[in-house]
Amino acid sequence: MTSVILRPNESQDQLLKRFRKKVVKSGVLSTVRRKRWFISKSELRRVEKKKSMRRIKRRQLSSPE
């Protein structure tokens, strides 16, 4: 769990900014979004394959030959 302690002479805004940075860096939000709904292994493989194909296609289109 991410936590921050108020430093001497630190404003609430600075504290909140530091907390948000820690949360983003820890990857908590991305994990929660990914696990929000159950996705079966076969569905996950299908999605990953689709992403991979899209990535390959994009590389082929952008590479100057």
C-alpha atoms as a PDB file:
ATOM      1  CA  MET A   1       0.000   0.000   0.000  1.00  0.00           C
ATOM      2  CA  THR A   2       1.312   3.428  -0.943  1.00  0.00           C
ATOM      3  CA  SER A   3       1.659   6.011   1.805  1.00  0.00           C
ATOM      4  CA  VAL A   4       3.290   9.399   2.230  1.00  0.00           C
ATOM      5  CA  ILE A   5       4.145  11.326   5.381  1.00  0.00           C
ATOM      6  CA  LEU A   6       3.697  15.078   5.615  1.00  0.00           C
ATOM      7  CA  ARG A   7       7.122  16.729   5.640  1.00  0.00           C
ATOM      8  CA  PRO A   8       7.828  19.882   7.657  1.00  0.00           C
ATOM      9  CA  ASN A   9       6.699  23.030   5.809  1.00  0.00           C
ATOM     10  CA  GLU A  10       5.020  20.971   3.060  1.00  0.00           C
ATOM     11  CA  SER A  11       1.648  22.078   1.733  1.00  0.00           C
ATOM     12  CA  GLN A  12      -1.276  19.720   1.213  1.00  0.00           C
ATOM     13  CA  ASP A  13      -0.994  20.215  -2.554  1.00  0.00           C
ATOM     14  CA  GLN A  14       2.646  19.124  -2.563  1.00  0.00           C
ATOM     15  CA  LEU A  15       1.780  16.114  -0.423  1.00  0.00           C
ATOM     16  CA  LEU A  16      -1.022  15.109  -2.776  1.00  0.00           C
ATOM     17  CA  LYS A  17       1.250  15.530  -5.812  1.00  0.00           C
ATOM     18  CA  ARG A  18       3.887  13.303  -4.207  1.00  0.00           C
ATOM     19  CA  PHE A  19       1.253  10.691  -3.363  1.00  0.00           C
ATOM     20  CA  ARG A  20      -0.086  10.633  -6.938  1.00  0.00           C
ATOM     21  CA  LYS A  21       3.440  10.159  -8.320  1.00  0.00           C
ATOM     22  CA  LYS A  22       4.016   7.222  -5.975  1.00  0.00           C
ATOM     23  CA  VAL A  23       0.703   5.613  -6.969  1.00  0.00           C
ATOM     24  CA  VAL A  24       1.491   5.942 -10.689  1.00  0.00           C
ATOM     25  CA  LYS A  25       5.016   4.619 -10.211  1.00  0.00           C
ATOM     26  CA  SER A  26       3.826   1.605  -8.201  1.00  0.00           C
ATOM     27  CA  GLY A  27       1.360   0.616 -10.949  1.00  0.00           C
ATOM     28  CA  VAL A  28      -1.570   0.124  -8.593  1.00  0.00           C
ATOM     29  CA  LEU A  29      -4.124   1.843 -10.846  1.00  0.00           C
ATOM     30  CA  SER A  30      -3.151  -0.091 -13.968  1.00  0.00           C
ATOM     31  CA  THR A  31      -3.414  -3.360 -12.027  1.00  0.00           C
ATOM     32  CA  VAL A  32      -6.855  -2.446 -10.712  1.00  0.00           C
ATOM     33  CA  ARG A  33      -8.072  -1.486 -14.194  1.00  0.00           C
ATOM     34  CA  ARG A  34      -6.714  -4.710 -15.666  1.00  0.00           C
ATOM     35  CA  LYS A  35      -8.314  -6.883 -12.970  1.00  0.00           C
ATOM     36  CA  ARG A  36     -11.642  -5.074 -12.943  1.00  0.00           C
ATOM     37  CA  TRP A  37     -13.275  -7.794 -15.032  1.00  0.00           C
ATOM     38  CA  PHE A  38     -12.327 -11.446 -15.291  1.00  0.00           C
ATOM     39  CA  ILE A  39     -10.714 -12.367 -18.612  1.00  0.00           C
ATOM     40  CA  SER A  40     -10.171 -16.028 -19.429  1.00  0.00           C
ATOM     41  CA  LYS A  41      -6.741 -17.228 -20.551  1.00  0.00           C
ATOM     42  CA  SER A  42      -7.931 -17.884 -24.110  1.00  0.00           C
ATOM     43  CA  GLU A  43      -9.437 -14.399 -24.337  1.00  0.00           C
ATOM     44  CA  LEU A  44      -6.221 -12.901 -22.981  1.00  0.00           C
ATOM     45  CA  ARG A  45      -4.154 -14.777 -25.592  1.00  0.00           C
ATOM     46  CA  ARG A  46      -6.490 -13.591 -28.345  1.00  0.00           C
ATOM     47  CA  VAL A  47      -6.198  -9.955 -27.206  1.00  0.00           C
ATOM     48  CA  GLU A  48      -2.396 -10.180 -26.947  1.00  0.00           C
ATOM     49  CA  LYS A  49      -2.192 -11.693 -30.443  1.00  0.00           C
ATOM     50  CA  LYS A  50      -4.358  -8.885 -31.800  1.00  0.00           C
ATOM     51  CA  LYS A  51      -2.113  -6.269 -30.145  1.00  0.00           C
ATOM     52  CA  SER A  52       0.962  -7.961 -31.558  1.00  0.00           C
ATOM     53  CA  MET A  53      -0.461  -7.992 -35.091  1.00  0.00           C
ATOM     54  CA  ARG A  54      -1.342  -4.309 -34.805  1.00  0.00           C
ATOM     55  CA  ARG A  55       2.190  -3.512 -33.595  1.00  0.00           C
ATOM     56  CA  ILE A  56       3.791  -5.455 -36.465  1.00  0.00           C
ATOM     57  CA  LYS A  57       1.545  -3.774 -39.012  1.00  0.00           C
ATOM     58  CA  ARG A  58       2.366  -0.329 -37.627  1.00  0.00           C
ATOM     59  CA  ARG A  59       6.120  -1.049 -37.815  1.00  0.00           C
ATOM     60  CA  GLN A  60       5.839  -2.190 -41.416  1.00  0.00           C
ATOM     61  CA  LEU A  61       3.909   0.911 -42.439  1.00  0.00           C
ATOM     62  CA  SER A  62       6.209   3.364 -40.662  1.00  0.00           C
ATOM     63  CA  SER A  63       9.562   1.884 -41.691  1.00  0.00           C
ATOM     64  CA  PRO A  64      11.027   3.647 -44.763  1.00  0.00           C
ATOM     65  CA  GLU A  65      12.224   1.207 -47.399  1.00  0.00           C
END
